[in-house]
């Protein structure tokens, strides 16, 4: 997973993208849904005024959900800025 971010003056927002290296629309959509749900569980750790793009890789389908959530929580915590 790759997390890109940028500071903004607007409230926090997130976008999700999954590489076409994951073959099949059903599998890409499943990976996107898993990333979205992991973000919902961890969004409190992200700074308040950021725009995020979370890019999923094939590991988003293979990893257990708890590991996916922990990885995203660590990535969001590494972003500098004020927290809610």
Protein backbone atom coordinates (compact mmCIF):
# COMPACT_ATOMS: atom_id res chain seq x y z
CA UNK A 1 0.00 0.00 0.00
CA UNK A 2 1.18 3.50 -0.79
CA UNK A 3 -0.19 6.57 0.99
CA UNK A 4 0.27 9.95 -0.68
CA UNK A 5 -0.76 13.09 1.18
CA UNK A 6 -0.86 16.85 0.86
CA UNK A 7 -1.75 19.56 3.35
CA UNK A 8 -4.93 21.50 2.61
CA UNK A 9 -7.03 24.16 4.26
CA UNK A 10 -10.11 21.99 3.79
CA UNK A 11 -11.16 19.13 6.07
CA UNK A 12 -9.57 15.71 5.66
CA UNK A 13 -10.55 13.72 2.57
CA UNK A 14 -9.38 10.45 1.09
CA UNK A 15 -9.31 8.84 -2.33
CA UNK A 16 -8.64 5.21 -3.13
CA UNK A 17 -6.96 3.71 -6.18
CA UNK A 18 -6.05 0.14 -7.01
CA UNK A 19 -3.52 -0.82 -9.65
CA UNK A 20 -4.66 -2.77 -12.69
CA UNK A 21 -1.91 -5.20 -11.85
CA UNK A 22 -4.65 -6.81 -9.79
CA UNK A 23 -6.42 -8.65 -12.58
CA UNK A 24 -10.21 -8.65 -12.74
CA UNK A 25 -12.60 -5.89 -11.78
CA UNK A 26 -14.11 -7.97 -8.99
CA UNK A 27 -10.73 -8.40 -7.28
CA UNK A 28 -9.82 -4.71 -7.74
CA UNK A 29 -13.14 -3.63 -6.26
CA UNK A 30 -12.70 -6.02 -3.32
CA UNK A 31 -9.26 -4.53 -2.64
CA UNK A 32 -10.71 -1.01 -2.83
CA UNK A 33 -13.52 -1.94 -0.40
CA UNK A 34 -11.02 -3.44 2.05
CA UNK A 35 -8.88 -0.28 1.90
CA UNK A 36 -11.93 1.92 2.42
CA UNK A 37 -13.01 -0.07 5.47
CA UNK A 38 -9.48 -0.03 6.90
CA UNK A 39 -9.45 3.75 6.47
CA UNK A 40 -12.79 4.08 8.25
CA UNK A 41 -11.37 2.15 11.18
CA UNK A 42 -8.19 4.29 11.38
CA UNK A 43 -9.14 7.76 10.11
CA UNK A 44 -8.76 9.27 13.57
CA UNK A 45 -4.98 8.86 13.33
CA UNK A 46 -4.73 11.05 10.20
CA UNK A 47 -4.13 14.81 10.47
CA UNK A 48 -7.26 16.95 10.18
CA UNK A 49 -6.32 19.08 7.16
CA UNK A 50 -4.91 16.65 4.60
CA UNK A 51 -5.87 15.20 1.27
CA UNK A 52 -4.95 11.51 1.08
CA UNK A 53 -4.62 9.08 -1.80
CA UNK A 54 -4.32 5.45 -0.75
CA UNK A 55 -3.03 3.19 -3.50
CA UNK A 56 -3.65 -0.51 -3.07
CA UNK A 57 -1.42 -3.32 -4.24
CA UNK A 58 -1.98 -7.06 -4.45
CA UNK A 59 -1.19 -7.42 -0.74
CA UNK A 60 -4.47 -5.67 0.07
CA UNK A 61 -6.22 -8.90 -0.89
CA UNK A 62 -3.82 -11.34 0.76
CA UNK A 63 -3.18 -9.73 4.14
CA UNK A 64 -5.53 -10.27 7.06
CA UNK A 65 -7.71 -7.26 7.75
CA UNK A 66 -6.03 -6.60 11.11
CA UNK A 67 -2.61 -6.39 9.42
CA UNK A 68 -3.99 -4.09 6.72
CA UNK A 69 -5.48 -1.82 9.38
CA UNK A 70 -2.24 -1.77 11.39
CA UNK A 71 -0.19 -0.90 8.32
CA UNK A 72 -2.53 1.95 7.40
CA UNK A 73 -2.61 3.22 10.99
CA UNK A 74 1.19 3.37 11.01
CA UNK A 75 1.30 5.18 7.67
CA UNK A 76 -1.27 7.76 8.79
CA UNK A 77 0.46 8.31 12.12
CA UNK A 78 3.72 9.13 10.29
CA UNK A 79 2.13 12.13 8.57
CA UNK A 80 2.95 15.37 10.44
CA UNK A 81 0.15 17.69 11.44
CA UNK A 82 -2.55 18.35 14.05
CA UNK A 83 -4.78 15.45 15.05
CA UNK A 84 -8.44 15.71 16.05
